[in-house]
């Protein structure tokens, strides 16, 4: 079950998109903002393994919200960015 906090963050960002007049569609900057928040909360290797497992579930839950919000969402690129494998636009770090 996804973390309640992540659901709340996704709901808030989605509401921002609606409020800003973006026709209920999250944009790239919303996706990057969510990814940055998740990156900042990624558990360190020496933390409890359950914390990392929950974080990974949270990341997948947020990716699902992003994909449902915008058909142009690039899940693989976004996941790579969240995991520190590329920059926010998919390029090298």
C-alpha atoms as a PDB file:
ATOM      1  CA  UNK A   1       0.000   0.000   0.000  1.00  0.00           C
ATOM      2  CA  UNK A   2       1.463   3.390  -0.959  1.00  0.00           C
ATOM      3  CA  UNK A   3       2.592   5.803   1.701  1.00  0.00           C
ATOM      4  CA  UNK A   4      -0.108   8.300   2.685  1.00  0.00           C
ATOM      5  CA  UNK A   5       2.382  11.173   2.543  1.00  0.00           C
ATOM      6  CA  UNK A   6       3.298  10.395  -1.070  1.00  0.00           C
ATOM      7  CA  UNK A   7      -0.382  10.231  -2.023  1.00  0.00           C
ATOM      8  CA  UNK A   8      -0.872  13.600  -0.375  1.00  0.00           C
ATOM      9  CA  UNK A   9       2.107  15.140  -2.211  1.00  0.00           C
ATOM     10  CA  UNK A  10       0.881  13.825  -5.546  1.00  0.00           C
ATOM     11  CA  UNK A  11      -2.595  15.209  -4.842  1.00  0.00           C
ATOM     12  CA  UNK A  12      -1.179  18.626  -3.941  1.00  0.00           C
ATOM     13  CA  UNK A  13       0.953  18.813  -7.096  1.00  0.00           C
ATOM     14  CA  UNK A  14      -2.003  17.726  -9.206  1.00  0.00           C
ATOM     15  CA  UNK A  15      -4.137  20.419  -7.537  1.00  0.00           C
ATOM     16  CA  UNK A  16      -1.425  22.982  -8.341  1.00  0.00           C
ATOM     17  CA  UNK A  17      -1.633  22.036 -11.997  1.00  0.00           C
ATOM     18  CA  UNK A  18      -5.394  22.513 -11.951  1.00  0.00           C
ATOM     19  CA  UNK A  19      -5.146  25.801 -10.055  1.00  0.00           C
ATOM     20  CA  UNK A  20      -2.535  27.108 -12.470  1.00  0.00           C
ATOM     21  CA  UNK A  21      -4.915  26.517 -15.352  1.00  0.00           C
ATOM     22  CA  UNK A  22      -3.021  23.668 -16.925  1.00  0.00           C
ATOM     23  CA  UNK A  23      -6.238  21.794 -17.694  1.00  0.00           C
ATOM     24  CA  UNK A  24      -5.741  19.152 -15.013  1.00  0.00           C
ATOM     25  CA  UNK A  25      -2.488  17.971 -16.557  1.00  0.00           C
ATOM     26  CA  UNK A  26       0.753  17.835 -14.658  1.00  0.00           C
ATOM     27  CA  UNK A  27       3.758  19.160 -16.554  1.00  0.00           C
ATOM     28  CA  UNK A  28       7.453  18.353 -16.689  1.00  0.00           C
ATOM     29  CA  UNK A  29       8.205  20.829 -13.924  1.00  0.00           C
ATOM     30  CA  UNK A  30       5.709  19.076 -11.652  1.00  0.00           C
ATOM     31  CA  UNK A  31       7.339  15.731 -12.452  1.00  0.00           C
ATOM     32  CA  UNK A  32      10.781  17.131 -11.655  1.00  0.00           C
ATOM     33  CA  UNK A  33       9.540  18.666  -8.393  1.00  0.00           C
ATOM     34  CA  UNK A  34       8.133  15.308  -7.282  1.00  0.00           C
ATOM     35  CA  UNK A  35      11.315  13.504  -8.320  1.00  0.00           C
ATOM     36  CA  UNK A  36      13.453  16.012  -6.401  1.00  0.00           C
ATOM     37  CA  UNK A  37      11.358  15.464  -3.266  1.00  0.00           C
ATOM     38  CA  UNK A  38      11.683  11.695  -3.587  1.00  0.00           C
ATOM     39  CA  UNK A  39      15.418  11.903  -4.238  1.00  0.00           C
ATOM     40  CA  UNK A  40      15.858  13.963  -1.082  1.00  0.00           C
ATOM     41  CA  UNK A  41      14.091  11.277   0.955  1.00  0.00           C
ATOM     42  CA  UNK A  42      15.871   8.229  -0.496  1.00  0.00           C
ATOM     43  CA  UNK A  43      17.093   6.055   2.387  1.00  0.00           C
ATOM     44  CA  UNK A  44      20.826   5.622   2.790  1.00  0.00           C
ATOM     45  CA  UNK A  45      22.364   2.139   2.324  1.00  0.00           C
ATOM     46  CA  UNK A  46      22.919   1.720   6.076  1.00  0.00           C
ATOM     47  CA  UNK A  47      19.221   2.340   6.908  1.00  0.00           C
ATOM     48  CA  UNK A  48      16.607  -0.285   7.639  1.00  0.00           C
ATOM     49  CA  UNK A  49      15.930  -2.318   4.451  1.00  0.00           C
ATOM     50  CA  UNK A  50      12.183  -1.940   5.050  1.00  0.00           C
ATOM     51  CA  UNK A  51      12.553   1.818   4.663  1.00  0.00           C
ATOM     52  CA  UNK A  52      14.139   1.374   1.223  1.00  0.00           C
ATOM     53  CA  UNK A  53      11.429  -1.086   0.182  1.00  0.00           C
ATOM     54  CA  UNK A  54       8.724   1.412   1.214  1.00  0.00           C
ATOM     55  CA  UNK A  55      10.517   4.232  -0.604  1.00  0.00           C
ATOM     56  CA  UNK A  56      10.633   2.139  -3.789  1.00  0.00           C
ATOM     57  CA  UNK A  57       6.879   1.471  -3.501  1.00  0.00           C
ATOM     58  CA  UNK A  58       6.283   5.189  -2.974  1.00  0.00           C
ATOM     59  CA  UNK A  59       8.315   6.051  -6.084  1.00  0.00           C
ATOM     60  CA  UNK A  60       6.257   3.605  -8.164  1.00  0.00           C
ATOM     61  CA  UNK A  61       3.011   5.021  -6.744  1.00  0.00           C
ATOM     62  CA  UNK A  62       4.017   8.579  -7.654  1.00  0.00           C
ATOM     63  CA  UNK A  63       5.099   7.420 -11.131  1.00  0.00           C
ATOM     64  CA  UNK A  64       1.631   5.930 -11.598  1.00  0.00           C
ATOM     65  CA  UNK A  65       0.020   9.258 -10.675  1.00  0.00           C
ATOM     66  CA  UNK A  66       2.292  11.090 -13.113  1.00  0.00           C
ATOM     67  CA  UNK A  67       1.548   8.645 -15.928  1.00  0.00           C
ATOM     68  CA  UNK A  68      -2.190   8.922 -15.313  1.00  0.00           C
ATOM     69  CA  UNK A  69      -1.966  12.704 -15.384  1.00  0.00           C
ATOM     70  CA  UNK A  70      -0.021  13.118 -18.626  1.00  0.00           C
ATOM     71  CA  UNK A  71       0.304  10.642 -21.495  1.00  0.00           C
ATOM     72  CA  UNK A  72       3.667  12.222 -22.442  1.00  0.00           C
ATOM     73  CA  UNK A  73       5.193  11.226 -19.065  1.00  0.00           C
ATOM     74  CA  UNK A  74       8.445   9.351 -19.649  1.00  0.00           C
ATOM     75  CA  UNK A  75       8.417   6.818 -16.813  1.00  0.00           C
ATOM     76  CA  UNK A  76      11.831   5.230 -17.528  1.00  0.00           C
ATOM     77  CA  UNK A  77      13.607   8.582 -17.750  1.00  0.00           C
ATOM     78  CA  UNK A  78      11.855   9.838 -14.614  1.00  0.00           C
ATOM     79  CA  UNK A  79      12.772   6.670 -12.689  1.00  0.00           C
ATOM     80  CA  UNK A  80      16.395   7.036 -13.802  1.00  0.00           C
ATOM     81  CA  UNK A  81      16.413  10.616 -12.521  1.00  0.00           C
ATOM     82  CA  UNK A  82      14.850   9.630  -9.191  1.00  0.00           C
ATOM     83  CA  UNK A  83      17.508   6.942  -8.800  1.00  0.00           C
ATOM     84  CA  UNK A  84      20.336   9.361  -9.646  1.00  0.00           C
ATOM     85  CA  UNK A  85      21.246   7.790 -12.988  1.00  0.00           C
ATOM     86  CA  UNK A  86      20.699  10.912 -15.109  1.00  0.00           C
ATOM     87  CA  UNK A  87      19.829  14.603 -14.904  1.00  0.00           C
ATOM     88  CA  UNK A  88      16.247  15.959 -14.882  1.00  0.00           C
ATOM     89  CA  UNK A  89      16.151  16.094 -18.692  1.00  0.00           C
ATOM     90  CA  UNK A  90      17.587  12.611 -19.106  1.00  0.00           C
ATOM     91  CA  UNK A  91      21.136  13.764 -19.807  1.00  0.00           C
ATOM     92  CA  UNK A  92      24.359  12.984 -17.996  1.00  0.00           C
ATOM     93  CA  UNK A  93      24.833  14.149 -14.420  1.00  0.00           C
END
